[in-house]
Each structure stands twice: as C-alpha cells, then as structure tokens.
Protein backbone atom coordinates (compact mmCIF):
# COMPACT_ATOMS: atom_id res chain seq x y z
CA UNK A 1 -6.44 20.38 -12.43
CA UNK A 2 -7.45 18.67 -9.07
CA UNK A 3 -7.80 15.00 -9.43
CA UNK A 4 -8.87 12.04 -6.98
CA UNK A 5 -8.17 8.41 -7.46
CA UNK A 6 -8.90 5.42 -5.44
CA UNK A 7 -6.67 2.41 -4.94
CA UNK A 8 -7.18 -0.99 -3.56
CA UNK A 9 -5.20 -4.18 -2.97
CA UNK A 10 -5.88 -7.36 -0.45
CA UNK A 11 -3.77 -10.45 0.10
CA UNK A 12 -4.31 -13.65 2.21
CA UNK A 13 -2.03 -14.11 4.93
CA UNK A 14 0.70 -16.60 4.45
CA UNK A 15 0.70 -18.80 7.48
CA UNK A 16 3.74 -21.60 6.36
CA UNK A 17 6.25 -18.99 5.07
CA UNK A 18 9.13 -18.41 7.47
CA UNK A 19 11.12 -16.81 5.06
CA UNK A 20 9.43 -13.41 4.65
CA UNK A 21 8.16 -10.51 6.43
CA UNK A 22 4.74 -8.47 7.14
CA UNK A 23 5.16 -5.42 5.68
CA UNK A 24 2.70 -2.51 5.54
CA UNK A 25 3.48 1.17 4.46
CA UNK A 26 7.01 -0.19 4.16
CA UNK A 27 7.24 -0.94 7.88
CA UNK A 28 7.67 -4.45 9.27
CA UNK A 29 5.16 -5.94 11.70
CA UNK A 30 5.47 -9.08 13.86
CA UNK A 31 3.31 -11.68 12.09
CA UNK A 32 2.65 -13.88 9.20
CA UNK A 33 3.52 -12.34 5.61
CA UNK A 34 1.18 -11.78 3.24
CA UNK A 35 0.78 -13.94 0.00
CA UNK A 36 2.05 -12.46 -3.61
CA UNK A 37 5.51 -12.62 -5.50
CA UNK A 38 6.39 -8.96 -3.99
CA UNK A 39 6.44 -8.14 -0.17
CA UNK A 40 2.42 -8.21 -0.83
CA UNK A 41 2.41 -4.90 1.16
CA UNK A 42 -1.18 -3.69 0.58
CA UNK A 43 -0.60 -0.24 1.87
CA UNK A 44 1.62 0.36 -0.80
CA UNK A 45 0.20 -1.76 -3.62
CA UNK A 46 -3.06 0.46 -2.90
CA UNK A 47 -1.16 3.79 -3.07
CA UNK A 48 0.48 2.45 -6.35
CA UNK A 49 -3.02 2.01 -7.69
CA UNK A 50 -4.22 5.34 -6.74
CA UNK A 51 -1.42 6.72 -8.51
CA UNK A 52 -2.22 4.78 -11.66
CA UNK A 53 -5.88 5.93 -11.34
CA UNK A 54 -4.49 9.54 -11.62
CA UNK A 55 -1.94 8.89 -14.25
CA UNK A 56 -3.73 6.22 -16.15
CA UNK A 57 -0.68 3.53 -16.41
CA UNK A 58 -1.28 0.81 -14.35
CA UNK A 59 2.06 -0.25 -12.83
CA UNK A 60 1.01 -3.50 -10.73
CA UNK A 61 0.42 -6.20 -13.19
CA UNK A 62 2.91 -6.69 -16.15
CA UNK A 63 5.56 -3.64 -15.09
CA UNK A 64 5.78 -4.72 -11.50
CA UNK A 65 5.76 -8.13 -12.62
CA UNK A 66 8.56 -7.63 -14.78
CA UNK A 67 10.80 -5.52 -11.74
CA UNK A 68 9.47 -8.68 -9.36
CA UNK A 69 10.22 -11.62 -11.52
CA UNK A 70 12.76 -10.80 -13.76
CA UNK A 71 14.70 -8.32 -11.68
CA UNK A 72 14.37 -9.46 -8.64
CA UNK A 73 13.04 -6.85 -6.47
CA UNK A 74 10.29 -7.49 -3.90
CA UNK A 75 10.06 -4.23 -2.41
CA UNK A 76 6.75 -2.32 -2.81
CA UNK A 77 8.70 0.97 -2.71
CA UNK A 78 9.92 0.17 -5.69
CA UNK A 79 6.42 0.03 -7.30
CA UNK A 80 5.26 3.80 -6.04
CA UNK A 81 8.74 5.28 -7.33
CA UNK A 82 7.87 3.48 -10.89
CA UNK A 83 4.32 5.28 -10.69
CA UNK A 84 5.52 8.29 -9.51
CA UNK A 85 7.73 8.30 -12.86
CA UNK A 86 4.14 8.79 -14.67
CA UNK A 87 3.12 11.36 -11.99
CA UNK A 88 3.21 14.72 -13.16
CA UNK A 89 2.09 17.36 -10.26
CA UNK A 90 1.78 17.66 -6.67
CA UNK A 91 0.20 15.09 -4.04
CA UNK A 92 -2.37 17.02 -1.90
CA UNK A 93 -3.27 13.99 0.58
CA UNK A 94 -3.56 10.46 0.77
CA UNK A 95 -5.74 8.42 3.01
CA UNK A 96 -5.82 4.78 3.87
CA UNK A 97 -8.39 2.36 5.25
CA UNK A 98 -7.13 -0.86 6.33
CA UNK A 99 -8.96 -4.00 7.21
CA UNK A 100 -7.70 -6.58 9.24
CA UNK A 101 -8.18 -8.67 12.59
CA UNK A 102 -4.11 -8.81 13.08
CA UNK A 103 -1.60 -7.10 13.55
CA UNK A 104 -2.76 -4.21 15.46
CA UNK A 105 -2.18 -1.21 12.90
CA UNK A 106 -2.55 1.74 15.52
CA UNK A 107 0.47 1.54 17.61
CA UNK A 108 2.60 1.73 14.09
CA UNK A 109 0.47 4.22 12.57
CA UNK A 110 2.98 7.12 13.30
CA UNK A 111 6.01 4.83 11.36
CA UNK A 112 3.64 4.24 8.54
CA UNK A 113 3.02 7.92 8.00
CA UNK A 114 6.64 8.92 8.06
CA UNK A 115 7.52 5.79 5.79
CA UNK A 116 5.06 7.06 3.28
CA UNK A 117 5.79 10.98 3.44
CA UNK A 118 9.02 10.04 2.60
CA UNK A 119 8.36 7.96 -0.22
CA UNK A 120 6.12 10.92 -1.70
CA UNK A 121 8.14 13.72 -0.42
CA UNK A 122 4.99 14.97 1.28
CA UNK A 123 4.18 15.86 4.81
CA UNK A 124 3.09 13.71 7.29
CA UNK A 125 0.07 16.02 8.18
CA UNK A 126 -0.97 15.35 4.37
CA UNK A 127 -1.31 11.23 5.09
CA UNK A 128 -4.26 9.86 6.96
CA UNK A 129 -4.45 6.12 8.24
CA UNK A 130 -7.25 4.58 9.57
CA UNK A 131 -7.70 1.01 10.68
CA UNK A 132 -10.82 -1.48 11.59
CA UNK A 133 -11.82 -4.89 12.07
CA UNK A 134 -14.64 -4.41 10.07
CA UNK A 135 -16.64 -6.16 13.23
CA UNK A 136 -15.35 -9.51 11.58
CA UNK A 137 -17.85 -9.71 8.34
CA UNK A 138 -15.28 -10.38 6.21
CA UNK A 139 -12.36 -12.36 5.74
CA UNK A 140 -10.00 -9.66 6.37
CA UNK A 141 -12.02 -8.93 9.79
CA UNK A 142 -12.02 -12.96 10.40
CA UNK A 143 -7.92 -13.18 10.36
CA UNK A 144 -7.16 -14.37 6.71
CA UNK A 145 -5.68 -11.34 5.38
CA UNK A 146 -5.49 -7.57 5.13
CA UNK A 147 -7.52 -5.40 2.35
CA UNK A 148 -6.59 -1.61 2.30
CA UNK A 149 -8.03 1.43 0.36
CA UNK A 150 -6.05 4.42 -0.53
CA UNK A 151 -7.80 7.70 -1.72
CA UNK A 152 -5.43 10.09 -3.29
CA UNK A 153 -5.83 14.06 -4.05
CA UNK A 154 -3.60 15.42 -6.63
CA UNK A 155 -2.92 18.70 -8.22
CA UNK A 156 -1.74 17.65 -11.67
CA UNK A 157 -0.14 19.99 -14.47
C-alpha cells in the first residue's frame, strides 16, 4: 500500500544559550541554537512526525520525552530511529520545506541530504530540500526561529 504523511515542527531560537549548537537535519550550523529539551532539530522532528503519520505511533511527546529527559539523549537522530522501529515498508521519497531567515540552508543541502539518506538508508536522490524566508511574513521569516514541513511517501507492508 502507498502511504503519504506530513510532519511539521518549529522552534524559536535560544539567543542566550551558548552551551548548545544549532542542528538541522543532523548537521551543525553556525548561529544560535533552537529552544527545546533535545537538540531541537526541526528537520528531524518533522521527519519523525511524518513517520508517525505513516505508523500511527506518536514518537515526539511521551516517547521522545522519556528518551531525552530520563535517558539524557538529546540527539534527534535517536527519535527518527525510534520511529523507524514501528515502520514496516520502504521509504520512497522525503521532501522538506524549511522556513527561516537564518541560517542560510542552501549551502548545506548536500550535507543534510547525506545525513538523512544515511539515517533512512535511502538514496540522496530520494530526498528533496527547499528553503524559503517566506518574505518575512511569519516569525520564522523574521528570524525568530525555524519551521520545517516534511512529506514522506512510503510503500508499506
């Protein structure tokens, strides 16, 4: 069966936090980190939510909170791996749309694609990433945070 799901996540910047890095798609960027219990990687969080949309098992929230707060794991790749435990099938394509004023996403798209391809065990050719400032119409386009949408297409068993 072919299934399609959408995932979304957004976080504000934590301009005062000097002890955390800005991570998007498992790749470190220059700039202030995002607020959150974990690394607040909105790209991987939106992917986790999209996988949850296919499986019906919500990872972000109770399961991710346990992993982060009780086990001390803040790497969002762990959340994706947890979501994949409930997934039975093949991921055909993943598309991300990132909205932010900063950082500049385009120069690191190849790194993000490789990071996600390795995580999902799919070809980089099956990953699309776009970025926009949204013409400054939202808080994300005004530089207050980052928002990401993910659409995932899968063949499930």
